[in-house]
Amino acid sequence: MDYTYDDIAKMIDHSLLNPTLTTTALEEGCQLALQYNVASVCIMPYALKRCSEILAGSTVRPSTTIGFPHGGHTTALKVAEAEQSLADGGQELDMVVNISKVLSGDWDYVQSDIGAVIEVVHAAGQKVKVIFENCYLNDEQKIRLCDICGQLGADWVKTSTGYGTGGATIDDLKLMRAHSPAEVQVKAAGGVRDLDKLLEVRALGVTRVGATRTAEMLDECKRRLG
């Protein structure tokens, strides 16, 4: 095996974004993330403060979403969401681009919108993942977003919210890795449901995956590693 348990666990952002999850389920999800020592918990914004408290003292990072799931919030609201999330202990914020503006070709708006969030988050010493929602975009639009995110110093480019019409595809991951600077990482979200898929995307240069089947994947990882 060319990986350790920690290599795999620290690729996983344990996703707790389903709107039907109860407060109890969210807290249990944070405990599961601690148990498996994943990279982060990506939780509904209202629960981020409690998530931060549960994860305090661990290497599991509290994270949440900005402009989720469709990216249509005003830039001012995205910035306010980011500021609130930072105040609540967020260390990695997953923001959705304005999909409507991407499809409209209003690239100045798109760059300004992403840049405003990155600026406030980086000023606080934390990180940003920029969600494209590739299922709605063509390759030219995806490449343009990679260029913009590279210029702005985004920490990750991310395929999807998991709530669009499709998730991460191998072709999209290859394209995003090829058109992003080396310092911009790639996150796959939507469709990584078992260890074999995680290993497949890892081989493409993906460093994070959004996952709900965290326990199953990491139990299988432990089994294979003996």
C-alpha atoms as a PDB file:
ATOM      1  CA  MET A   1       0.000   0.000   0.000  1.00  0.00           C
ATOM      2  CA  ASP A   2       1.308   3.471  -0.840  1.00  0.00           C
ATOM      3  CA  TYR A   3      -0.739   5.141   1.891  1.00  0.00           C
ATOM      4  CA  THR A   4      -1.320   5.124   5.625  1.00  0.00           C
ATOM      5  CA  TYR A   5      -4.581   5.399   7.529  1.00  0.00           C
ATOM      6  CA  ASP A   6      -3.839   9.040   8.333  1.00  0.00           C
ATOM      7  CA  ASP A   7      -3.148   9.802   4.648  1.00  0.00           C
ATOM      8  CA  ILE A   8      -6.680   8.713   3.808  1.00  0.00           C
ATOM      9  CA  ALA A   9      -8.482  10.027   6.889  1.00  0.00           C
ATOM     10  CA  LYS A  10      -6.953  13.477   6.393  1.00  0.00           C
ATOM     11  CA  MET A  11      -8.419  13.611   2.882  1.00  0.00           C
ATOM     12  CA  ILE A  12     -11.982  13.482   4.202  1.00  0.00           C
ATOM     13  CA  ASP A  13     -14.253  16.413   4.972  1.00  0.00           C
ATOM     14  CA  HIS A  14     -17.081  14.698   6.853  1.00  0.00           C
ATOM     15  CA  SER A  15     -20.222  16.304   5.410  1.00  0.00           C
ATOM     16  CA  LEU A  16     -23.123  17.225   7.705  1.00  0.00           C
ATOM     17  CA  LEU A  17     -25.090  19.461   5.331  1.00  0.00           C
ATOM     18  CA  ASN A  18     -28.294  17.498   4.749  1.00  0.00           C
ATOM     19  CA  PRO A  19     -31.078  19.901   5.812  1.00  0.00           C
ATOM     20  CA  THR A  20     -32.984  17.135   7.605  1.00  0.00           C
ATOM     21  CA  LEU A  21     -30.187  16.332  10.072  1.00  0.00           C
ATOM     22  CA  THR A  22     -31.256  17.015  13.659  1.00  0.00           C
ATOM     23  CA  THR A  23     -29.120  18.736  16.274  1.00  0.00           C
ATOM     24  CA  THR A  24     -28.459  15.333  17.837  1.00  0.00           C
ATOM     25  CA  ALA A  25     -27.373  13.885  14.489  1.00  0.00           C
ATOM     26  CA  LEU A  26     -25.048  16.830  13.878  1.00  0.00           C
ATOM     27  CA  GLU A  27     -23.365  16.377  17.265  1.00  0.00           C
ATOM     28  CA  GLU A  28     -23.040  12.628  16.679  1.00  0.00           C
ATOM     29  CA  GLY A  29     -21.469  13.395  13.295  1.00  0.00           C
ATOM     30  CA  CYS A  30     -18.854  15.596  14.964  1.00  0.00           C
ATOM     31  CA  GLN A  31     -18.049  12.793  17.400  1.00  0.00           C
ATOM     32  CA  LEU A  32     -17.703  10.326  14.519  1.00  0.00           C
ATOM     33  CA  ALA A  33     -15.285  12.710  12.778  1.00  0.00           C
ATOM     34  CA  LEU A  34     -13.209  12.870  15.968  1.00  0.00           C
ATOM     35  CA  GLN A  35     -13.241   9.090  16.322  1.00  0.00           C
ATOM     36  CA  TYR A  36     -11.937   8.608  12.775  1.00  0.00           C
ATOM     37  CA  ASN A  37      -9.607  11.661  12.917  1.00  0.00           C
ATOM     38  CA  VAL A  38     -10.668  13.067   9.541  1.00  0.00           C
ATOM     39  CA  ALA A  39      -9.520  16.392   8.047  1.00  0.00           C
ATOM     40  CA  SER A  40     -12.616  18.421   8.837  1.00  0.00           C
ATOM     41  CA  VAL A  41     -16.314  18.486   9.572  1.00  0.00           C
ATOM     42  CA  CYS A  42     -18.316  20.558   7.083  1.00  0.00           C
ATOM     43  CA  ILE A  43     -21.481  21.388   8.974  1.00  0.00           C
ATOM     44  CA  MET A  44     -24.580  23.557   8.560  1.00  0.00           C
ATOM     45  CA  PRO A  45     -23.691  27.153   9.481  1.00  0.00           C
ATOM     46  CA  TYR A  46     -25.979  27.394  12.512  1.00  0.00           C
ATOM     47  CA  ALA A  47     -24.210  24.402  14.097  1.00  0.00           C
ATOM     48  CA  LEU A  48     -20.651  25.579  13.451  1.00  0.00           C
ATOM     49  CA  LYS A  49     -20.100  27.146  16.877  1.00  0.00           C
ATOM     50  CA  ARG A  50     -21.083  23.922  18.647  1.00  0.00           C
ATOM     51  CA  CYS A  51     -19.006  21.920  16.152  1.00  0.00           C
ATOM     52  CA  SER A  52     -15.984  24.087  16.970  1.00  0.00           C
ATOM     53  CA  GLU A  53     -16.482  23.398  20.672  1.00  0.00           C
ATOM     54  CA  ILE A  54     -16.686  19.632  20.120  1.00  0.00           C
ATOM     55  CA  LEU A  55     -13.578  19.581  17.911  1.00  0.00           C
ATOM     56  CA  ALA A  56     -11.493  21.891  20.138  1.00  0.00           C
ATOM     57  CA  GLY A  57      -8.062  20.471  20.899  1.00  0.00           C
ATOM     58  CA  SER A  58      -8.175  17.972  18.026  1.00  0.00           C
ATOM     59  CA  THR A  59      -6.660  18.068  14.528  1.00  0.00           C
ATOM     60  CA  VAL A  60     -10.143  17.898  12.954  1.00  0.00           C
ATOM     61  CA  ARG A  61     -11.037  21.313  11.566  1.00  0.00           C
ATOM     62  CA  PRO A  62     -14.479  22.904  11.869  1.00  0.00           C
ATOM     63  CA  SER A  63     -15.781  24.083   8.503  1.00  0.00           C
ATOM     64  CA  THR A  64     -19.011  25.293   6.923  1.00  0.00           C
ATOM     65  CA  THR A  65     -20.529  26.675   3.733  1.00  0.00           C
ATOM     66  CA  ILE A  66     -20.937  30.190   2.324  1.00  0.00           C
ATOM     67  CA  GLY A  67     -23.640  31.085  -0.214  1.00  0.00           C
ATOM     68  CA  PHE A  68     -24.834  27.494  -0.126  1.00  0.00           C
ATOM     69  CA  PRO A  69     -26.128  25.766  -2.171  1.00  0.00           C
ATOM     70  CA  HIS A  70     -26.752  27.962  -5.225  1.00  0.00           C
ATOM     71  CA  GLY A  71     -24.321  30.869  -4.792  1.00  0.00           C
ATOM     72  CA  GLY A  72     -26.976  33.500  -5.511  1.00  0.00           C
ATOM     73  CA  HIS A  73     -26.513  35.477  -2.285  1.00  0.00           C
ATOM     74  CA  THR A  74     -25.216  39.023  -2.649  1.00  0.00           C
ATOM     75  CA  THR A  75     -21.491  39.425  -2.125  1.00  0.00           C
ATOM     76  CA  ALA A  76     -22.169  41.461   1.020  1.00  0.00           C
ATOM     77  CA  LEU A  77     -24.153  38.571   2.495  1.00  0.00           C
ATOM     78  CA  LYS A  78     -21.441  36.054   1.589  1.00  0.00           C
ATOM     79  CA  VAL A  79     -18.889  38.244   3.356  1.00  0.00           C
ATOM     80  CA  ALA A  80     -21.185  38.562   6.387  1.00  0.00           C
ATOM     81  CA  GLU A  81     -21.622  34.771   6.409  1.00  0.00           C
ATOM     82  CA  ALA A  82     -17.859  34.355   6.264  1.00  0.00           C
ATOM     83  CA  GLU A  83     -17.327  36.796   9.131  1.00  0.00           C
ATOM     84  CA  GLN A  84     -19.931  35.009  11.252  1.00  0.00           C
ATOM     85  CA  SER A  85     -18.380  31.638  10.445  1.00  0.00           C
ATOM     86  CA  LEU A  86     -14.922  32.874  11.446  1.00  0.00           C
ATOM     87  CA  ALA A  87     -16.354  34.219  14.705  1.00  0.00           C
ATOM     88  CA  ASP A  88     -17.921  30.784  15.309  1.00  0.00           C
ATOM     89  CA  GLY A  89     -14.555  29.045  14.915  1.00  0.00           C
ATOM     90  CA  GLY A  90     -14.620  28.101  11.238  1.00  0.00           C
ATOM     91  CA  GLN A  91     -11.196  27.271   9.801  1.00  0.00           C
ATOM     92  CA  GLU A  92     -12.145  26.228   6.254  1.00  0.00           C
ATOM     93  CA  LEU A  93     -15.071  27.844   4.434  1.00  0.00           C
ATOM     94  CA  ASP A  94     -16.597  26.259   1.323  1.00  0.00           C
ATOM     95  CA  MET A  95     -18.125  29.057  -0.778  1.00  0.00           C
ATOM     96  CA  VAL A  96     -20.335  28.635  -3.840  1.00  0.00           C
ATOM     97  CA  VAL A  97     -19.652  30.832  -6.859  1.00  0.00           C
ATOM     98  CA  ASN A  98     -22.560  32.826  -8.271  1.00  0.00           C
ATOM     99  CA  ILE A  99     -23.634  30.207 -10.823  1.00  0.00           C
ATOM    100  CA  SER A 100     -25.971  32.633 -12.589  1.00  0.00           C
ATOM    101  CA  LYS A 101     -23.142  35.123 -13.120  1.00  0.00           C
ATOM    102  CA  VAL A 102     -20.783  32.391 -14.355  1.00  0.00           C
ATOM    103  CA  LEU A 103     -23.378  31.273 -16.903  1.00  0.00           C
ATOM    104  CA  SER A 104     -23.948  34.920 -17.867  1.00  0.00           C
ATOM    105  CA  GLY A 105     -20.241  35.438 -18.509  1.00  0.00           C
ATOM    106  CA  ASP A 106     -19.994  38.282 -16.004  1.00  0.00           C
ATOM    107  CA  TRP A 107     -16.454  37.404 -15.006  1.00  0.00           C
ATOM    108  CA  ASP A 108     -15.698  40.704 -13.276  1.00  0.00           C
ATOM    109  CA  TYR A 109     -18.587  40.056 -10.891  1.00  0.00           C
ATOM    110  CA  VAL A 110     -17.534  36.448 -10.360  1.00  0.00           C
ATOM    111  CA  GLN A 111     -13.954  37.457  -9.561  1.00  0.00           C
ATOM    112  CA  SER A 112     -15.049  40.234  -7.213  1.00  0.00           C
ATOM    113  CA  ASP A 113     -17.511  37.917  -5.431  1.00  0.00           C
ATOM    114  CA  ILE A 114     -14.947  35.162  -4.833  1.00  0.00           C
ATOM    115  CA  GLY A 115     -12.221  37.651  -3.986  1.00  0.00           C
ATOM    116  CA  ALA A 116     -14.276  39.386  -1.310  1.00  0.00           C
ATOM    117  CA  VAL A 117     -14.748  36.146   0.608  1.00  0.00           C
ATOM    118  CA  ILE A 118     -11.135  35.027   0.178  1.00  0.00           C
ATOM    119  CA  GLU A 119      -9.903  38.412   1.420  1.00  0.00           C
ATOM    120  CA  VAL A 120     -11.801  38.305   4.712  1.00  0.00           C
ATOM    121  CA  VAL A 121     -11.034  34.632   5.356  1.00  0.00           C
ATOM    122  CA  HIS A 122      -7.330  34.883   4.562  1.00  0.00           C
ATOM    123  CA  ALA A 123      -7.062  38.006   6.713  1.00  0.00           C
ATOM    124  CA  ALA A 124      -8.202  35.811   9.606  1.00  0.00           C
ATOM    125  CA  GLY A 125      -5.585  33.173   8.767  1.00  0.00           C
ATOM    126  CA  GLN A 126      -8.120  30.596   7.579  1.00  0.00           C
ATOM    127  CA  LYS A 127      -8.818  28.841   4.256  1.00  0.00           C
ATOM    128  CA  VAL A 128     -11.336  28.910   1.404  1.00  0.00           C
ATOM    129  CA  LYS A 129     -12.623  26.215  -0.927  1.00  0.00           C
ATOM    130  CA  VAL A 130     -14.417  27.580  -4.012  1.00  0.00           C
ATOM    131  CA  ILE A 131     -17.311  25.424  -5.247  1.00  0.00           C
ATOM    132  CA  PHE A 132     -17.967  25.554  -9.000  1.00  0.00           C
ATOM    133  CA  GLU A 133     -21.046  23.255  -9.310  1.00  0.00           C
ATOM    134  CA  ASN A 134     -19.641  21.723 -12.481  1.00  0.00           C
ATOM    135  CA  CYS A 135     -22.848  19.921 -13.479  1.00  0.00           C
ATOM    136  CA  TYR A 136     -24.173  23.279 -14.770  1.00  0.00           C
ATOM    137  CA  LEU A 137     -20.984  24.457 -16.511  1.00  0.00           C
ATOM    138  CA  ASN A 138     -19.043  23.788 -19.693  1.00  0.00           C
ATOM    139  CA  ASP A 139     -15.303  23.159 -19.760  1.00  0.00           C
ATOM    140  CA  GLU A 140     -14.482  26.710 -20.826  1.00  0.00           C
ATOM    141  CA  GLN A 141     -16.335  28.061 -17.792  1.00  0.00           C
ATOM    142  CA  LYS A 142     -14.623  25.595 -15.452  1.00  0.00           C
ATOM    143  CA  ILE A 143     -11.200  26.556 -16.813  1.00  0.00           C
ATOM    144  CA  ARG A 144     -11.970  30.260 -16.408  1.00  0.00           C
ATOM    145  CA  LEU A 145     -12.953  29.643 -12.789  1.00  0.00           C
ATOM    146  CA  CYS A 146      -9.689  27.756 -12.192  1.00  0.00           C
ATOM    147  CA  ASP A 147      -7.783  30.738 -13.619  1.00  0.00           C
ATOM    148  CA  ILE A 148      -9.666  33.190 -11.389  1.00  0.00           C
ATOM    149  CA  CYS A 149      -9.189  31.062  -8.285  1.00  0.00           C
ATOM    150  CA  GLY A 150      -5.487  30.771  -9.062  1.00  0.00           C
ATOM    151  CA  GLN A 151      -5.152  34.540  -9.388  1.00  0.00           C
ATOM    152  CA  LEU A 152      -7.031  35.116  -6.130  1.00  0.00           C
ATOM    153  CA  GLY A 153      -5.102  32.499  -4.172  1.00  0.00           C
ATOM    154  CA  ALA A 154      -7.988  30.188  -3.323  1.00  0.00           C
ATOM    155  CA  ASP A 155      -6.861  27.249  -1.196  1.00  0.00           C
ATOM    156  CA  TRP A 156      -9.009  24.679  -3.031  1.00  0.00           C
ATOM    157  CA  VAL A 157     -11.217  24.461  -6.080  1.00  0.00           C
ATOM    158  CA  LYS A 158     -14.144  22.116  -5.493  1.00  0.00           C
ATOM    159  CA  THR A 159     -16.327  20.302  -8.004  1.00  0.00           C
ATOM    160  CA  SER A 160     -19.779  20.476  -6.487  1.00  0.00           C
ATOM    161  CA  THR A 161     -22.084  21.097  -3.548  1.00  0.00           C
ATOM    162  CA  GLY A 162     -23.493  17.570  -3.591  1.00  0.00           C
ATOM    163  CA  TYR A 163     -26.927  19.138  -4.082  1.00  0.00           C
ATOM    164  CA  GLY A 164     -26.820  19.861  -7.820  1.00  0.00           C
ATOM    165  CA  THR A 165     -27.725  17.478 -10.637  1.00  0.00           C
ATOM    166  CA  GLY A 166     -24.316  15.779 -10.524  1.00  0.00           C
ATOM    167  CA  GLY A 167     -21.158  15.414  -8.473  1.00  0.00           C
ATOM    168  CA  ALA A 168     -17.446  14.937  -9.048  1.00  0.00           C
ATOM    169  CA  THR A 169     -16.410  13.276 -12.310  1.00  0.00           C
ATOM    170  CA  ILE A 170     -12.983  11.979 -13.278  1.00  0.00           C
ATOM    171  CA  ASP A 171     -12.890  14.262 -16.336  1.00  0.00           C
ATOM    172  CA  ASP A 172     -13.669  17.332 -14.242  1.00  0.00           C
ATOM    173  CA  LEU A 173     -11.063  16.463 -11.627  1.00  0.00           C
ATOM    174  CA  LYS A 174      -8.402  16.012 -14.313  1.00  0.00           C
ATOM    175  CA  LEU A 175      -9.392  19.331 -15.892  1.00  0.00           C
ATOM    176  CA  MET A 176      -9.372  21.234 -12.588  1.00  0.00           C
ATOM    177  CA  ARG A 177      -5.986  19.818 -11.591  1.00  0.00           C
ATOM    178  CA  ALA A 178      -4.526  20.602 -15.015  1.00  0.00           C
ATOM    179  CA  HIS A 179      -5.752  24.212 -15.029  1.00  0.00           C
ATOM    180  CA  SER A 180      -5.052  25.164 -11.404  1.00  0.00           C
ATOM    181  CA  PRO A 181      -1.685  26.355 -10.087  1.00  0.00           C
ATOM    182  CA  ALA A 182       0.196  23.795  -7.999  1.00  0.00           C
ATOM    183  CA  GLU A 183      -0.566  25.674  -4.775  1.00  0.00           C
ATOM    184  CA  VAL A 184      -4.348  25.456  -5.368  1.00  0.00           C
ATOM    185  CA  GLN A 185      -5.634  22.076  -4.193  1.00  0.00           C
ATOM    186  CA  VAL A 186      -8.584  20.157  -5.654  1.00  0.00           C
ATOM    187  CA  LYS A 187     -11.566  18.821  -3.692  1.00  0.00           C
ATOM    188  CA  ALA A 188     -14.019  16.246  -5.038  1.00  0.00           C
ATOM    189  CA  ALA A 189     -17.571  16.375  -3.701  1.00  0.00           C
ATOM    190  CA  GLY A 190     -20.543  14.222  -4.637  1.00  0.00           C
ATOM    191  CA  GLY A 191     -20.059  10.620  -5.698  1.00  0.00           C
ATOM    192  CA  VAL A 192     -17.040   9.536  -3.651  1.00  0.00           C
ATOM    193  CA  ARG A 193     -18.799   6.779  -1.735  1.00  0.00           C
ATOM    194  CA  ASP A 194     -16.196   4.074  -1.210  1.00  0.00           C
ATOM    195  CA  LEU A 195     -12.480   3.655  -0.634  1.00  0.00           C
ATOM    196  CA  ASP A 196     -11.715   2.571  -4.192  1.00  0.00           C
ATOM    197  CA  LYS A 197     -13.225   5.783  -5.563  1.00  0.00           C
ATOM    198  CA  LEU A 198     -11.322   7.842  -3.012  1.00  0.00           C
ATOM    199  CA  LEU A 199      -8.062   6.151  -4.042  1.00  0.00           C
ATOM    200  CA  GLU A 200      -8.911   6.738  -7.711  1.00  0.00           C
ATOM    201  CA  VAL A 201      -9.364  10.485  -7.226  1.00  0.00           C
ATOM    202  CA  ARG A 202      -6.298  10.634  -4.949  1.00  0.00           C
ATOM    203  CA  ALA A 203      -4.225   9.304  -7.838  1.00  0.00           C
ATOM    204  CA  LEU A 204      -5.366  12.295  -9.905  1.00  0.00           C
ATOM    205  CA  GLY A 205      -4.001  14.759  -7.346  1.00  0.00           C
ATOM    206  CA  VAL A 206      -7.186  15.346  -5.340  1.00  0.00           C
ATOM    207  CA  THR A 207      -6.335  16.189  -1.710  1.00  0.00           C
ATOM    208  CA  ARG A 208      -9.834  16.386  -0.188  1.00  0.00           C
ATOM    209  CA  VAL A 209     -13.168  14.687  -0.683  1.00  0.00           C
ATOM    210  CA  GLY A 210     -16.540  15.513   0.769  1.00  0.00           C
ATOM    211  CA  ALA A 211     -18.046  12.370   2.240  1.00  0.00           C
ATOM    212  CA  THR A 212     -21.066  11.147   4.161  1.00  0.00           C
ATOM    213  CA  ARG A 213     -19.931   7.493   4.163  1.00  0.00           C
ATOM    214  CA  THR A 214     -16.847   8.302   6.189  1.00  0.00           C
ATOM    215  CA  ALA A 215     -17.107   5.391   8.618  1.00  0.00           C
ATOM    216  CA  GLU A 216     -17.547   2.798   5.872  1.00  0.00           C
ATOM    217  CA  MET A 217     -14.597   4.120   3.856  1.00  0.00           C
ATOM    218  CA  LEU A 218     -12.240   4.344   6.811  1.00  0.00           C
ATOM    219  CA  ASP A 219     -13.274   0.986   8.257  1.00  0.00           C
ATOM    220  CA  GLU A 220     -12.408  -0.524   4.872  1.00  0.00           C
ATOM    221  CA  CYS A 221      -9.094   1.365   4.903  1.00  0.00           C
ATOM    222  CA  LYS A 222      -8.242  -0.113   8.318  1.00  0.00           C
ATOM    223  CA  ARG A 223      -9.205  -3.583   7.092  1.00  0.00           C
ATOM    224  CA  ARG A 224      -6.941  -3.378   4.048  1.00  0.00           C
ATOM    225  CA  LEU A 225      -4.028  -2.028   6.054  1.00  0.00           C
ATOM    226  CA  GLY A 226      -4.455  -4.835   8.563  1.00  0.00           C
END
